[in-house]
C-alpha atoms as a PDB file:
ATOM      1  CA  MET A   1     -59.500 209.564 252.262  1.00  0.00           C
ATOM      2  CA  ARG A   2     -58.967 207.403 254.622  1.00  0.00           C
ATOM      3  CA  SER A   3     -56.001 208.130 257.164  1.00  0.00           C
ATOM      4  CA  ASP A   4     -55.834 205.079 258.972  1.00  0.00           C
ATOM      5  CA  PRO A   5     -53.285 202.949 257.165  1.00  0.00           C
ATOM      6  CA  ASN A   6     -54.625 199.324 259.083  1.00  0.00           C
ATOM      7  CA  GLU A   7     -58.154 200.103 258.176  1.00  0.00           C
ATOM      8  CA  ALA A   8     -56.818 200.657 254.430  1.00  0.00           C
ATOM      9  CA  ASP A   9     -54.907 197.721 253.969  1.00  0.00           C
ATOM     10  CA  ASP A  10     -58.091 195.993 255.251  1.00  0.00           C
ATOM     11  CA  ILE A  11     -60.071 197.262 252.536  1.00  0.00           C
ATOM     12  CA  ILE A  12     -57.318 196.479 249.821  1.00  0.00           C
ATOM     13  CA  ARG A  13     -56.823 193.310 250.933  1.00  0.00           C
ATOM     14  CA  ASN A  14     -60.535 192.101 251.221  1.00  0.00           C
ATOM     15  CA  THR A  15     -61.581 194.183 248.043  1.00  0.00           C
ATOM     16  CA  VAL A  16     -58.752 192.555 245.591  1.00  0.00           C
ATOM     17  CA  PHE A  17     -59.128 188.841 247.737  1.00  0.00           C
ATOM     18  CA  ASP A  18     -62.977 189.490 246.466  1.00  0.00           C
ATOM     19  CA  LEU A  19     -61.515 190.120 242.967  1.00  0.00           C
ATOM     20  CA  GLY A  20     -59.389 187.283 242.921  1.00  0.00           C
ATOM     21  CA  ARG A  21     -62.185 184.904 243.634  1.00  0.00           C
ATOM     22  CA  LYS A  22     -64.250 186.952 240.626  1.00  0.00           C
ATOM     23  CA  HIS A  23     -61.642 186.008 238.426  1.00  0.00           C
ATOM     24  CA  PHE A  24     -61.519 182.324 238.813  1.00  0.00           C
ATOM     25  CA  ASN A  25     -64.975 181.841 237.440  1.00  0.00           C
ATOM     26  CA  TYR A  26     -63.588 184.301 234.860  1.00  0.00           C
ATOM     27  CA  GLY A  27     -61.284 181.507 233.315  1.00  0.00           C
ATOM     28  CA  ALA A  28     -58.156 183.609 234.515  1.00  0.00           C
ATOM     29  CA  THR A  29     -55.062 181.670 235.770  1.00  0.00           C
ATOM     30  CA  THR A  30     -52.326 182.877 238.379  1.00  0.00           C
ATOM     31  CA  SER A  31     -49.549 183.087 236.059  1.00  0.00           C
ATOM     32  CA  LEU A  32     -51.869 185.448 234.476  1.00  0.00           C
ATOM     33  CA  MET A  33     -52.490 187.670 237.123  1.00  0.00           C
ATOM     34  CA  GLU A  34     -48.685 188.046 237.155  1.00  0.00           C
ATOM     35  CA  ARG A  35     -47.992 188.811 233.929  1.00  0.00           C
ATOM     36  CA  VAL A  36     -50.695 191.395 234.080  1.00  0.00           C
ATOM     37  CA  GLY A  37     -48.884 192.834 236.874  1.00  0.00           C
ATOM     38  CA  VAL A  38     -45.813 192.758 234.860  1.00  0.00           C
ATOM     39  CA  ILE A  39     -47.539 194.818 232.060  1.00  0.00           C
ATOM     40  CA  PHE A  40     -49.328 197.212 234.706  1.00  0.00           C
ATOM     41  CA  LEU A  41     -45.719 198.134 236.076  1.00  0.00           C
ATOM     42  CA  ALA A  42     -44.191 198.973 232.586  1.00  0.00           C
ATOM     43  CA  HIS A  43     -47.218 201.293 231.533  1.00  0.00           C
ATOM     44  CA  PHE A  44     -46.882 202.997 234.967  1.00  0.00           C
ATOM     45  CA  MET A  45     -43.075 203.529 234.306  1.00  0.00           C
ATOM     46  CA  GLN A  46     -43.757 204.568 230.746  1.00  0.00           C
ATOM     47  CA  ALA A  47     -45.736 207.651 232.398  1.00  0.00           C
ATOM     48  CA  ILE A  48     -43.326 208.535 234.608  1.00  0.00           C
ATOM     49  CA  PRO A  49     -40.381 210.727 232.273  1.00  0.00           C
ATOM     50  CA  LYS A  50     -36.763 209.945 233.793  1.00  0.00           C
ATOM     51  CA  ASP A  51     -35.984 213.394 232.464  1.00  0.00           C
ATOM     52  CA  GLY A  52     -35.086 215.926 235.265  1.00  0.00           C
ATOM     53  CA  MET A  53     -35.528 213.450 237.782  1.00  0.00           C
ATOM     54  CA  GLU A  54     -32.603 212.689 240.484  1.00  0.00           C
ATOM     55  CA  PRO A  55     -30.475 209.903 240.275  1.00  0.00           C
ATOM     56  CA  GLY A  56     -31.774 207.060 241.206  1.00  0.00           C
ATOM     57  CA  LYS A  57     -35.281 208.431 241.676  1.00  0.00           C
ATOM     58  CA  HIS A  58     -37.078 206.595 238.916  1.00  0.00           C
ATOM     59  CA  GLU A  59     -35.649 203.162 240.333  1.00  0.00           C
ATOM     60  CA  LEU A  60     -37.103 203.798 243.677  1.00  0.00           C
ATOM     61  CA  ILE A  61     -40.590 204.819 242.274  1.00  0.00           C
ATOM     62  CA  ARG A  62     -40.212 201.497 240.121  1.00  0.00           C
ATOM     63  CA  ASP A  63     -39.367 199.507 243.318  1.00  0.00           C
ATOM     64  CA  ALA A  64     -42.400 201.431 244.915  1.00  0.00           C
ATOM     65  CA  PHE A  65     -44.764 200.440 242.397  1.00  0.00           C
ATOM     66  CA  SER A  66     -43.213 196.800 242.000  1.00  0.00           C
ATOM     67  CA  ALA A  67     -43.985 196.291 245.742  1.00  0.00           C
ATOM     68  CA  PHE A  68     -47.792 197.439 245.313  1.00  0.00           C
ATOM     69  CA  LEU A  69     -48.241 195.450 242.425  1.00  0.00           C
ATOM     70  CA  GLY A  70     -46.635 192.602 244.020  1.00  0.00           C
ATOM     71  CA  VAL A  71     -48.984 193.144 247.079  1.00  0.00           C
ATOM     72  CA  VAL A  72     -52.323 193.543 244.789  1.00  0.00           C
ATOM     73  CA  VAL A  73     -51.019 190.281 242.579  1.00  0.00           C
ATOM     74  CA  TYR A  74     -50.211 188.287 245.907  1.00  0.00           C
ATOM     75  CA  TRP A  75     -54.039 189.025 247.200  1.00  0.00           C
ATOM     76  CA  LEU A  76     -55.874 188.107 244.064  1.00  0.00           C
ATOM     77  CA  GLN A  77     -53.871 184.740 243.361  1.00  0.00           C
ATOM     78  CA  SER A  78     -54.610 184.496 247.337  1.00  0.00           C
ATOM     79  CA  GLY A  79     -58.659 184.799 246.160  1.00  0.00           C
ATOM     80  CA  PHE A  80     -58.344 183.008 243.418  1.00  0.00           C
ATOM     81  CA  ARG A  81     -56.889 179.774 245.285  1.00  0.00           C
ATOM     82  CA  TYR A  82     -59.493 179.828 247.909  1.00  0.00           C
ATOM     83  CA  ILE A  83     -62.555 179.196 244.916  1.00  0.00           C
ATOM     84  CA  GLN A  84     -60.264 176.734 243.500  1.00  0.00           C
ATOM     85  CA  SER A  85     -59.319 174.741 246.594  1.00  0.00           C
ATOM     86  CA  GLY A  86     -63.521 174.577 247.251  1.00  0.00           C
ATOM     87  CA  ALA A  87     -62.459 176.069 250.645  1.00  0.00           C
ATOM     88  CA  ASN A  88     -65.596 178.371 250.268  1.00  0.00           C
ATOM     89  CA  ASN A  89     -67.717 175.134 249.818  1.00  0.00           C
ATOM     90  CA  LYS A  90     -66.514 173.710 253.621  1.00  0.00           C
END
């Protein structure tokens, strides 16, 4: 496991950006990417029981997952738009 957060950020960004580029060829759309993020969030949260959790904790976890998935969707869409714009052909 990597301990340098900057290195981890770069790896996540580059990996997800490349994944977004590949999704252009699969016929995906940026709005579908957003929907998948929402679905992932809902499924992650179903796996985390509220019972026995201190008040507000479940919402904090949801907010953290939501922020993380927002970053993932952003970089997916960025990679997708990069290919869509033809920037890779210039």
